[in-house]
């Protein structure tokens, strides 16, 4: 499975890792699982540093719209996201997602997973 994730309810943290490639459907499955398990308010670490294939720019918008819709419908807060990226293409897709999702939350890009984890640890606990 090109996209793996762990939802830690006790720690209120989601960790997702793209192994090499991922599909648009897997992204929807991931977001659906977050919503279904009540994990949208949790801090999220999304490690895309090993990804080699990216969802096309015209399809990142609908994925971002899922987060935007959740936020706009008032279903609850959306927690901070640390995105780890390792290539120019990855940076562009992550920036597109950040711009299009416009959920009321903090999103930052990192080149190293350790830096992303440290940033998430520095934030106050989510509600």
Protein backbone atom coordinates (compact mmCIF):
# COMPACT_ATOMS: atom_id res chain seq x y z
CA UNK A 1 0.00 0.00 0.00
CA UNK A 2 1.64 3.25 -1.11
CA UNK A 3 0.01 5.31 1.66
CA UNK A 4 0.21 4.08 5.25
CA UNK A 5 -1.14 5.84 8.30
CA UNK A 6 -1.48 5.43 12.04
CA UNK A 7 -4.07 7.24 14.12
CA UNK A 8 -2.93 7.56 17.73
CA UNK A 9 -6.01 8.59 19.70
CA UNK A 10 -4.19 8.67 23.04
CA UNK A 11 -1.48 10.96 21.67
CA UNK A 12 -3.92 12.86 19.41
CA UNK A 13 -1.54 12.42 16.47
CA UNK A 14 -1.81 11.09 12.95
CA UNK A 15 1.27 9.89 11.10
CA UNK A 16 0.96 9.21 7.38
CA UNK A 17 3.76 8.03 5.10
CA UNK A 18 3.83 7.85 1.31
CA UNK A 19 6.15 5.02 0.40
CA UNK A 20 6.68 5.62 -3.33
CA UNK A 21 3.48 6.28 -5.21
CA UNK A 22 -0.04 7.02 -4.15
CA UNK A 23 -3.37 7.39 -5.86
CA UNK A 24 -6.07 9.98 -5.55
CA UNK A 25 -8.40 7.32 -4.14
CA UNK A 26 -5.92 6.48 -1.40
CA UNK A 27 -5.86 10.14 -0.41
CA UNK A 28 -9.67 10.15 -0.18
CA UNK A 29 -9.56 6.91 1.83
CA UNK A 30 -7.07 8.51 4.21
CA UNK A 31 -9.17 11.66 4.67
CA UNK A 32 -12.31 9.57 5.11
CA UNK A 33 -10.63 7.53 7.82
CA UNK A 34 -9.52 10.69 9.63
CA UNK A 35 -13.05 12.05 9.56
CA UNK A 36 -14.64 8.72 10.49
CA UNK A 37 -12.35 8.24 13.48
CA UNK A 38 -12.70 11.82 14.70
CA UNK A 39 -9.02 12.56 14.06
CA UNK A 40 -9.33 15.80 12.08
CA UNK A 41 -8.46 17.91 15.17
CA UNK A 42 -5.28 15.89 15.78
CA UNK A 43 -1.81 17.06 14.79
CA UNK A 44 -0.72 15.38 11.58
CA UNK A 45 2.66 14.40 10.23
CA UNK A 46 2.45 13.71 6.50
CA UNK A 47 5.79 12.33 5.30
CA UNK A 48 5.99 12.45 1.51
CA UNK A 49 9.79 12.43 1.35
CA UNK A 50 9.93 8.99 -0.35
CA UNK A 51 7.17 9.71 -2.89
CA UNK A 52 8.17 9.53 -6.54
CA UNK A 53 4.80 9.96 -8.29
CA UNK A 54 2.47 12.85 -7.58
CA UNK A 55 -1.18 13.54 -8.08
CA UNK A 56 -1.59 15.96 -10.97
CA UNK A 57 -2.14 19.66 -10.23
CA UNK A 58 -5.72 19.54 -11.53
CA UNK A 59 -6.61 16.79 -9.01
CA UNK A 60 -5.01 18.24 -5.88
CA UNK A 61 -7.84 20.79 -5.68
CA UNK A 62 -10.62 18.24 -5.10
CA UNK A 63 -8.53 16.57 -2.39
CA UNK A 64 -7.96 19.92 -0.70
CA UNK A 65 -11.68 20.63 -1.02
CA UNK A 66 -12.40 17.72 1.33
CA UNK A 67 -10.48 19.45 4.12
CA UNK A 68 -12.00 22.80 3.22
CA UNK A 69 -15.53 21.37 3.29
CA UNK A 70 -14.97 19.73 6.68
CA UNK A 71 -13.82 23.06 8.08
CA UNK A 72 -16.52 25.16 6.44
CA UNK A 73 -19.34 22.85 7.49
CA UNK A 74 -18.36 23.44 11.10
CA UNK A 75 -17.77 19.74 11.77
CA UNK A 76 -14.95 20.65 14.13
CA UNK A 77 -11.43 22.01 14.17
CA UNK A 78 -8.75 20.80 11.79
CA UNK A 79 -5.41 20.21 13.50
CA UNK A 80 -1.99 21.39 12.39
CA UNK A 81 -0.17 19.58 9.61
CA UNK A 82 3.56 19.12 9.10
CA UNK A 83 4.35 17.99 5.54
CA UNK A 84 7.78 16.50 4.82
CA UNK A 85 8.85 16.85 1.19
CA UNK A 86 12.08 16.11 -0.62
CA UNK A 87 11.73 17.38 -4.20
CA UNK A 88 10.66 20.47 -6.09
CA UNK A 89 7.57 18.69 -7.41
CA UNK A 90 6.62 17.66 -3.89
CA UNK A 91 7.04 21.21 -2.65
CA UNK A 92 4.80 22.51 -5.44
CA UNK A 93 2.04 19.95 -4.71
CA UNK A 94 2.21 20.62 -0.97
CA UNK A 95 2.01 24.37 -1.56
CA UNK A 96 -0.98 23.86 -3.88
CA UNK A 97 -2.70 21.78 -1.22
CA UNK A 98 -1.97 24.40 1.44
CA UNK A 99 -3.33 27.20 -0.73
CA UNK A 100 -6.46 25.33 -1.83
CA UNK A 101 -7.47 23.69 1.45
CA UNK A 102 -7.69 27.03 3.29
CA UNK A 103 -8.86 25.31 6.46
CA UNK A 104 -8.36 27.29 9.64
CA UNK A 105 -5.21 25.57 10.82
CA UNK A 106 -1.45 25.79 10.66
CA UNK A 107 0.43 23.96 7.91
CA UNK A 108 4.20 23.95 7.48
CA UNK A 109 6.59 22.28 5.06
CA UNK A 110 9.78 20.57 6.18
CA UNK A 111 12.72 18.94 4.44
CA UNK A 112 13.39 16.58 7.37
CA UNK A 113 10.99 14.41 9.33
CA UNK A 114 12.82 15.15 12.57
CA UNK A 115 12.18 18.88 12.13
CA UNK A 116 8.50 18.26 11.42
CA UNK A 117 8.14 16.09 14.52
CA UNK A 118 9.91 18.70 16.66
CA UNK A 119 7.58 21.42 15.37
CA UNK A 120 4.47 19.36 16.13
CA UNK A 121 5.80 18.59 19.62
CA UNK A 122 6.30 22.32 20.24
CA UNK A 123 2.62 23.11 19.60
CA UNK A 124 0.03 23.18 22.38
CA UNK A 125 -2.11 20.03 22.61
CA UNK A 126 -5.15 19.96 20.34
CA UNK A 127 -8.67 19.95 21.76
